[in-house]
Amino acid sequence: MAPPHPKRGQVWKVNFDPTIGAEIKKLRPAVVINSDGIGKLPLRLIAPMTAWQEKFEGNIWHIRIEPTGSNGLTKVSAVDVLQIRGADIRRFTAHRGSDSLSNLRPLHPILLDKIKLPGMLNSENPKYVDVYRDPSKWQKFREAVLERANNYKLYTTIGILILILIAAIVF
């Protein structure tokens, strides 16, 4: 059987087991959030979903997604931004549908806010709002991030992955 080819914005059933501690568990839907053009490894950056609960209402890391004919969800769900992770494509068991990329837009500010690298754009930095609202300013932001990476020597794997994550989500 051919391996799956998950694309950005698609909703897939993903097997999250085995897990440790509070990591999200079992077979559940997840939305692919990385750009299709990034990475050569058979990995995708995904945000798992869980059933919506009223207690999630005040949490900025839970994004409510309504079921539609196109996204393949059967009930109101929550994208859990705190559980974003890379997953090998062998964990993807079934394509459920495709979510509108406009539904993924709320992920952008939350991801930038959670990463909070020194001097980068987040809710504590007024330039953040400009970049989020005006995509034409993205190139300057990207250049500033790369300059910061050089200045801070963020050549570690995690630093590079964070920069790729930001680029993948915004594009």
C-alpha atoms as a PDB file:
ATOM      1  CA  MET A   1       0.000   0.000   0.000  1.00  0.00           C
ATOM      2  CA  ALA A   2       1.293   3.481  -0.909  1.00  0.00           C
ATOM      3  CA  PRO A   3       2.121   5.806   1.981  1.00  0.00           C
ATOM      4  CA  PRO A   4      -0.321   8.656   2.643  1.00  0.00           C
ATOM      5  CA  HIS A   5       0.494  12.170   1.400  1.00  0.00           C
ATOM      6  CA  PRO A   6      -1.084  14.546   3.935  1.00  0.00           C
ATOM      7  CA  LYS A   7      -1.251  18.160   2.789  1.00  0.00           C
ATOM      8  CA  ARG A   8      -1.666  21.443   4.657  1.00  0.00           C
ATOM      9  CA  GLY A   9      -5.216  22.078   5.780  1.00  0.00           C
ATOM     10  CA  GLN A  10      -6.255  18.436   5.498  1.00  0.00           C
ATOM     11  CA  VAL A  11      -7.876  16.637   8.400  1.00  0.00           C
ATOM     12  CA  TRP A  12      -6.603  13.106   8.967  1.00  0.00           C
ATOM     13  CA  LYS A  13      -7.252  10.388  11.502  1.00  0.00           C
ATOM     14  CA  VAL A  14      -3.905   9.986  13.278  1.00  0.00           C
ATOM     15  CA  ASN A  15      -2.710   7.318  15.701  1.00  0.00           C
ATOM     16  CA  PHE A  16      -1.074   9.201  18.589  1.00  0.00           C
ATOM     17  CA  ASP A  17      -0.136   6.084  20.573  1.00  0.00           C
ATOM     18  CA  PRO A  18       2.236   5.398  22.218  1.00  0.00           C
ATOM     19  CA  THR A  19       2.288   8.500  24.379  1.00  0.00           C
ATOM     20  CA  ILE A  20       3.710   9.587  27.718  1.00  0.00           C
ATOM     21  CA  GLY A  21       2.005  11.522  30.518  1.00  0.00           C
ATOM     22  CA  ALA A  22      -0.426  14.236  29.460  1.00  0.00           C
ATOM     23  CA  GLU A  23       0.233  13.906  25.707  1.00  0.00           C
ATOM     24  CA  ILE A  24      -2.938  13.536  23.671  1.00  0.00           C
ATOM     25  CA  LYS A  25      -3.674   9.856  23.126  1.00  0.00           C
ATOM     26  CA  LYS A  26      -5.381   7.346  20.841  1.00  0.00           C
ATOM     27  CA  LEU A  27      -6.702   7.523  17.302  1.00  0.00           C
ATOM     28  CA  ARG A  28      -8.181  10.980  16.652  1.00  0.00           C
ATOM     29  CA  PRO A  29      -8.444  13.685  13.991  1.00  0.00           C
ATOM     30  CA  ALA A  30      -5.623  16.142  13.442  1.00  0.00           C
ATOM     31  CA  VAL A  31      -5.118  18.989  11.008  1.00  0.00           C
ATOM     32  CA  VAL A  32      -1.897  19.277   9.003  1.00  0.00           C
ATOM     33  CA  ILE A  33      -0.426  22.732   9.566  1.00  0.00           C
ATOM     34  CA  ASN A  34       2.985  22.736   7.904  1.00  0.00           C
ATOM     35  CA  SER A  35       3.544  24.079   4.414  1.00  0.00           C
ATOM     36  CA  ASP A  36       3.545  21.390   1.733  1.00  0.00           C
ATOM     37  CA  GLY A  37       6.866  22.623   0.359  1.00  0.00           C
ATOM     38  CA  ILE A  38       8.864  22.295   3.572  1.00  0.00           C
ATOM     39  CA  GLY A  39      10.841  19.234   4.530  1.00  0.00           C
ATOM     40  CA  LYS A  40      12.017  16.124   2.766  1.00  0.00           C
ATOM     41  CA  LEU A  41      11.406  13.676   5.590  1.00  0.00           C
ATOM     42  CA  PRO A  42       8.070  11.813   5.751  1.00  0.00           C
ATOM     43  CA  LEU A  43       6.947  14.019   8.647  1.00  0.00           C
ATOM     44  CA  ARG A  44       4.093  16.463   9.028  1.00  0.00           C
ATOM     45  CA  LEU A  45       3.486  19.120  11.636  1.00  0.00           C
ATOM     46  CA  ILE A  46       0.022  18.452  13.014  1.00  0.00           C
ATOM     47  CA  ALA A  47      -2.392  19.883  15.541  1.00  0.00           C
ATOM     48  CA  PRO A  48      -4.550  17.192  17.172  1.00  0.00           C
ATOM     49  CA  MET A  49      -8.258  17.659  17.721  1.00  0.00           C
ATOM     50  CA  THR A  50     -10.482  16.614  20.561  1.00  0.00           C
ATOM     51  CA  ALA A  51     -14.215  16.901  21.230  1.00  0.00           C
ATOM     52  CA  TRP A  52     -15.211  20.457  22.099  1.00  0.00           C
ATOM     53  CA  GLN A  53     -16.041  21.039  25.760  1.00  0.00           C
ATOM     54  CA  GLU A  54     -17.503  24.210  27.238  1.00  0.00           C
ATOM     55  CA  LYS A  55     -14.547  24.458  29.626  1.00  0.00           C
ATOM     56  CA  PHE A  56     -12.336  25.183  26.581  1.00  0.00           C
ATOM     57  CA  GLU A  57     -14.201  28.457  25.915  1.00  0.00           C
ATOM     58  CA  GLY A  58     -11.662  30.721  27.644  1.00  0.00           C
ATOM     59  CA  ASN A  59      -8.545  28.881  26.447  1.00  0.00           C
ATOM     60  CA  ILE A  60      -6.683  30.599  23.615  1.00  0.00           C
ATOM     61  CA  TRP A  61      -4.947  27.318  22.760  1.00  0.00           C
ATOM     62  CA  HIS A  62      -8.224  25.544  21.953  1.00  0.00           C
ATOM     63  CA  ILE A  63      -9.640  26.620  18.590  1.00  0.00           C
ATOM     64  CA  ARG A  64     -13.247  25.616  17.995  1.00  0.00           C
ATOM     65  CA  ILE A  65     -13.936  23.927  14.637  1.00  0.00           C
ATOM     66  CA  GLU A  66     -17.468  23.197  13.489  1.00  0.00           C
ATOM     67  CA  PRO A  67     -18.124  20.026  11.497  1.00  0.00           C
ATOM     68  CA  THR A  68     -18.697  20.631   7.787  1.00  0.00           C
ATOM     69  CA  GLY A  69     -19.150  18.418   4.788  1.00  0.00           C
ATOM     70  CA  SER A  70     -15.628  19.234   3.663  1.00  0.00           C
ATOM     71  CA  ASN A  71     -13.621  18.739   6.870  1.00  0.00           C
ATOM     72  CA  GLY A  72     -14.949  15.270   7.669  1.00  0.00           C
ATOM     73  CA  LEU A  73     -15.592  15.987  11.342  1.00  0.00           C
ATOM     74  CA  THR A  74     -18.708  14.476  12.899  1.00  0.00           C
ATOM     75  CA  LYS A  75     -18.916  16.733  15.948  1.00  0.00           C
ATOM     76  CA  VAL A  76     -17.796  20.155  17.140  1.00  0.00           C
ATOM     77  CA  SER A  77     -14.088  19.823  17.842  1.00  0.00           C
ATOM     78  CA  ALA A  78     -11.188  21.749  19.340  1.00  0.00           C
ATOM     79  CA  VAL A  79      -7.760  22.056  17.755  1.00  0.00           C
ATOM     80  CA  ASP A  80      -5.342  21.769  20.684  1.00  0.00           C
ATOM     81  CA  VAL A  81      -2.473  24.119  19.828  1.00  0.00           C
ATOM     82  CA  LEU A  82      -0.467  23.108  22.914  1.00  0.00           C
ATOM     83  CA  GLN A  83      -0.265  19.559  21.555  1.00  0.00           C
ATOM     84  CA  ILE A  84       1.259  20.448  18.162  1.00  0.00           C
ATOM     85  CA  ARG A  85       3.882  17.930  17.126  1.00  0.00           C
ATOM     86  CA  GLY A  86       5.695  16.367  14.255  1.00  0.00           C
ATOM     87  CA  ALA A  87       4.323  12.997  13.145  1.00  0.00           C
ATOM     88  CA  ASP A  88       5.618  10.374  10.757  1.00  0.00           C
ATOM     89  CA  ILE A  89       3.192   9.810   7.879  1.00  0.00           C
ATOM     90  CA  ARG A  90       2.840   6.174   8.983  1.00  0.00           C
ATOM     91  CA  ARG A  91       0.729   7.480  11.891  1.00  0.00           C
ATOM     92  CA  PHE A  92      -1.859   8.819   9.399  1.00  0.00           C
ATOM     93  CA  THR A  93      -4.597   6.200   9.022  1.00  0.00           C
ATOM     94  CA  ALA A  94      -7.408   7.852   7.036  1.00  0.00           C
ATOM     95  CA  HIS A  95      -8.045  11.122   5.236  1.00  0.00           C
ATOM     96  CA  ARG A  96     -11.151  12.768   6.727  1.00  0.00           C
ATOM     97  CA  GLY A  97     -11.397  15.952   4.689  1.00  0.00           C
ATOM     98  CA  SER A  98      -9.925  19.392   4.213  1.00  0.00           C
ATOM     99  CA  ASP A  99     -10.460  22.322   6.488  1.00  0.00           C
ATOM    100  CA  SER A 100     -10.525  25.817   5.104  1.00  0.00           C
ATOM    101  CA  LEU A 101      -7.162  27.501   5.535  1.00  0.00           C
ATOM    102  CA  SER A 102      -9.088  30.462   6.924  1.00  0.00           C
ATOM    103  CA  ASN A 103      -9.997  28.201   9.865  1.00  0.00           C
ATOM    104  CA  LEU A 104      -6.268  27.708  10.479  1.00  0.00           C
ATOM    105  CA  ARG A 105      -5.597  31.445  10.603  1.00  0.00           C
ATOM    106  CA  PRO A 106      -6.295  31.650  14.370  1.00  0.00           C
ATOM    107  CA  LEU A 107      -3.317  29.303  14.866  1.00  0.00           C
ATOM    108  CA  HIS A 108      -0.834  31.967  13.679  1.00  0.00           C
ATOM    109  CA  PRO A 109      -0.976  34.385  16.608  1.00  0.00           C
ATOM    110  CA  ILE A 110      -1.243  31.589  19.161  1.00  0.00           C
ATOM    111  CA  LEU A 111       1.877  29.868  17.828  1.00  0.00           C
ATOM    112  CA  LEU A 112       3.852  33.097  17.731  1.00  0.00           C
ATOM    113  CA  ASP A 113       2.698  33.918  21.229  1.00  0.00           C
ATOM    114  CA  LYS A 114       3.624  30.483  22.624  1.00  0.00           C
ATOM    115  CA  ILE A 115       7.118  30.423  21.108  1.00  0.00           C
ATOM    116  CA  LYS A 116       8.179  33.844  22.484  1.00  0.00           C
ATOM    117  CA  LEU A 117      11.790  33.840  21.381  1.00  0.00           C
ATOM    118  CA  PRO A 118      13.704  36.946  22.498  1.00  0.00           C
ATOM    119  CA  GLY A 119      13.056  39.872  20.177  1.00  0.00           C
ATOM    120  CA  MET A 120      10.600  37.961  18.013  1.00  0.00           C
ATOM    121  CA  LEU A 121       7.053  38.839  17.211  1.00  0.00           C
ATOM    122  CA  ASN A 122       4.499  37.865  19.814  1.00  0.00           C
ATOM    123  CA  SER A 123       1.607  39.506  21.623  1.00  0.00           C
ATOM    124  CA  GLU A 124       4.069  41.500  23.740  1.00  0.00           C
ATOM    125  CA  ASN A 125       5.524  43.149  20.621  1.00  0.00           C
ATOM    126  CA  PRO A 126       3.404  45.781  18.818  1.00  0.00           C
ATOM    127  CA  LYS A 127       4.931  44.884  15.420  1.00  0.00           C
ATOM    128  CA  TYR A 128       3.261  41.499  15.729  1.00  0.00           C
ATOM    129  CA  VAL A 129      -0.172  42.888  14.889  1.00  0.00           C
ATOM    130  CA  ASP A 130       1.163  44.557  11.729  1.00  0.00           C
ATOM    131  CA  VAL A 131       2.665  41.344  10.343  1.00  0.00           C
ATOM    132  CA  TYR A 132      -0.395  39.286  11.166  1.00  0.00           C
ATOM    133  CA  ARG A 133      -2.772  41.752   9.508  1.00  0.00           C
ATOM    134  CA  ASP A 134      -0.562  42.694   6.557  1.00  0.00           C
ATOM    135  CA  PRO A 135       1.040  39.727   4.753  1.00  0.00           C
ATOM    136  CA  SER A 136       3.170  42.111   2.657  1.00  0.00           C
ATOM    137  CA  LYS A 137       5.204  42.763   5.830  1.00  0.00           C
ATOM    138  CA  TRP A 138       6.006  39.054   6.130  1.00  0.00           C
ATOM    139  CA  GLN A 139       9.232  39.297   4.068  1.00  0.00           C
ATOM    140  CA  LYS A 140      10.685  41.887   6.439  1.00  0.00           C
ATOM    141  CA  PHE A 141       9.660  39.733   9.386  1.00  0.00           C
ATOM    142  CA  ARG A 142      11.271  36.678   7.800  1.00  0.00           C
ATOM    143  CA  GLU A 143      14.522  38.575   7.212  1.00  0.00           C
ATOM    144  CA  ALA A 144      14.485  39.840  10.802  1.00  0.00           C
ATOM    145  CA  VAL A 145      13.987  36.285  12.074  1.00  0.00           C
ATOM    146  CA  LEU A 146      16.907  35.017  10.010  1.00  0.00           C
ATOM    147  CA  GLU A 147      19.080  37.887  11.246  1.00  0.00           C
ATOM    148  CA  ARG A 148      18.094  37.069  14.836  1.00  0.00           C
ATOM    149  CA  ALA A 149      18.969  33.440  14.175  1.00  0.00           C
ATOM    150  CA  ASN A 150      22.447  34.504  13.118  1.00  0.00           C
ATOM    151  CA  ASN A 151      22.812  36.858  16.074  1.00  0.00           C
ATOM    152  CA  TYR A 152      21.645  34.324  18.649  1.00  0.00           C
ATOM    153  CA  LYS A 153      23.351  31.348  17.005  1.00  0.00           C
ATOM    154  CA  LEU A 154      20.052  29.477  16.776  1.00  0.00           C
ATOM    155  CA  TYR A 155      21.552  26.710  14.703  1.00  0.00           C
ATOM    156  CA  THR A 156      20.383  24.015  17.056  1.00  0.00           C
ATOM    157  CA  THR A 157      17.775  21.651  15.729  1.00  0.00           C
ATOM    158  CA  ILE A 158      15.049  23.132  17.892  1.00  0.00           C
ATOM    159  CA  GLY A 159      15.831  26.697  16.830  1.00  0.00           C
ATOM    160  CA  ILE A 160      15.692  25.787  13.164  1.00  0.00           C
ATOM    161  CA  LEU A 161      12.464  23.829  13.669  1.00  0.00           C
ATOM    162  CA  ILE A 162      10.823  26.805  15.355  1.00  0.00           C
ATOM    163  CA  LEU A 163      11.754  29.095  12.471  1.00  0.00           C
ATOM    164  CA  ILE A 164      10.442  26.555   9.964  1.00  0.00           C
ATOM    165  CA  LEU A 165       7.254  26.235  12.006  1.00  0.00           C
ATOM    166  CA  ILE A 166       6.631  29.983  11.869  1.00  0.00           C
ATOM    167  CA  ALA A 167       7.326  30.108   8.120  1.00  0.00           C
ATOM    168  CA  ALA A 168       5.141  27.076   7.465  1.00  0.00           C
ATOM    169  CA  ILE A 169       2.184  28.418   9.395  1.00  0.00           C
ATOM    170  CA  VAL A 170       2.234  31.911   7.941  1.00  0.00           C
ATOM    171  CA  PHE A 171       2.626  30.719   4.364  1.00  0.00           C
END
